[in-house]
Amino acid sequence: MDINCRHCGEPLEHDALHDQYDINGEKLTYSEAGRRFKRFGCGLEDQTVCDNPMIDLFASIGSATIQDLSDEPEEWINYGNTAY
């Protein structure tokens, strides 16, 4: 089950939020990883805003919308998926 980067639309396995580390190698809590993904997208580990080329515009728009509406990463699952 994927969540998508709000900046480029790249999918990320939702469960990966449980195994994220910061730039100093410190393990992030699930909540902190979710907050960083919401803000930085693919750049959550480096704490830099994703500047990758656009992968999926519709997934990016859908993800930005649901992430603005909810702080709960569980609610972001598959929201950017335009195939359903």
Protein backbone atom coordinates (compact mmCIF):
# COMPACT_ATOMS: atom_id res chain seq x y z
CA MET A 1 0.00 0.00 0.00
CA ASP A 2 1.57 3.19 -1.19
CA ILE A 3 1.55 6.83 -0.29
CA ASN A 4 2.79 9.34 -2.85
CA CYS A 5 5.15 12.28 -2.70
CA ARG A 6 3.21 15.52 -2.96
CA HIS A 7 6.03 17.08 -4.98
CA CYS A 8 6.76 14.46 -7.66
CA GLY A 9 4.10 11.78 -7.25
CA GLU A 10 6.65 9.01 -6.58
CA PRO A 11 5.07 6.16 -4.59
CA LEU A 12 6.49 5.13 -1.22
CA GLU A 13 5.46 2.00 0.62
CA HIS A 14 3.42 3.25 3.58
CA ASP A 15 5.15 0.86 5.99
CA ALA A 16 8.49 2.49 5.12
CA LEU A 17 7.50 5.31 7.49
CA HIS A 18 8.23 2.88 10.33
CA ASP A 19 11.88 2.55 9.19
CA GLN A 20 13.06 6.10 8.46
CA TYR A 21 16.19 7.76 9.80
CA ASP A 22 17.30 11.37 9.90
CA ILE A 23 20.55 12.73 8.47
CA ASN A 24 22.32 11.90 11.76
CA GLY A 25 21.27 8.25 11.64
CA GLU A 26 18.66 8.62 14.38
CA LYS A 27 15.54 6.51 13.91
CA LEU A 28 12.43 8.62 13.40
CA THR A 29 9.15 7.83 15.06
CA TYR A 30 6.32 6.91 12.71
CA SER A 31 4.62 10.23 13.49
CA GLU A 32 7.74 12.26 12.81
CA ALA A 33 8.41 10.37 9.58
CA GLY A 34 4.84 11.13 8.50
CA ARG A 35 5.23 14.83 9.28
CA ARG A 36 8.48 14.97 7.34
CA PHE A 37 7.03 13.10 4.38
CA LYS A 38 4.11 15.53 4.34
CA ARG A 39 6.51 18.48 4.25
CA PHE A 40 9.50 17.20 2.28
CA GLY A 41 8.11 14.29 0.25
CA CYS A 42 10.94 12.15 -1.10
CA GLY A 43 13.46 14.33 0.74
CA LEU A 44 12.22 13.37 4.20
CA GLU A 45 15.49 11.79 5.34
CA ASP A 46 17.61 14.76 4.23
CA GLN A 47 14.99 17.29 5.33
CA THR A 48 15.08 18.89 1.91
CA VAL A 49 12.03 19.42 -0.26
CA CYS A 50 11.84 16.85 -3.06
CA ASP A 51 13.13 18.29 -6.30
CA ASN A 52 12.85 15.11 -8.37
CA PRO A 53 11.29 15.38 -11.83
CA MET A 54 7.53 14.88 -11.90
CA ILE A 55 6.70 11.17 -11.98
CA ASP A 56 2.90 11.33 -11.77
CA LEU A 57 1.13 14.70 -11.77
CA PHE A 58 -2.24 13.28 -10.73
CA ALA A 59 -0.74 11.29 -7.84
CA SER A 60 1.10 14.43 -6.74
CA ILE A 61 -2.08 16.53 -6.75
CA GLY A 62 -4.12 13.84 -5.02
CA SER A 63 -1.48 13.31 -2.36
CA ALA A 64 -1.05 17.02 -1.68
CA THR A 65 -4.81 17.32 -1.27
CA ILE A 66 -5.23 14.45 1.20
CA GLN A 67 -2.07 15.40 3.10
CA ASP A 68 -3.44 18.93 3.52
CA LEU A 69 -6.73 17.50 4.80
CA SER A 70 -5.29 14.87 7.16
CA ASP A 71 -2.24 14.50 9.39
CA GLU A 72 -2.72 10.71 9.53
CA PRO A 73 -0.51 8.81 7.07
CA GLU A 74 -2.92 5.85 7.14
CA GLU A 75 -5.46 8.08 5.40
CA TRP A 76 -3.00 8.91 2.61
CA ILE A 77 -2.77 5.29 1.41
CA ASN A 78 -3.53 4.90 -2.29
CA TYR A 79 -5.09 8.37 -2.46
CA GLY A 80 -2.70 9.35 -5.22
CA ASN A 81 -3.42 6.17 -7.17
CA THR A 82 -5.29 7.20 -10.29
CA ALA A 83 -5.90 3.59 -11.33
CA TYR A 84 -8.88 2.91 -9.07
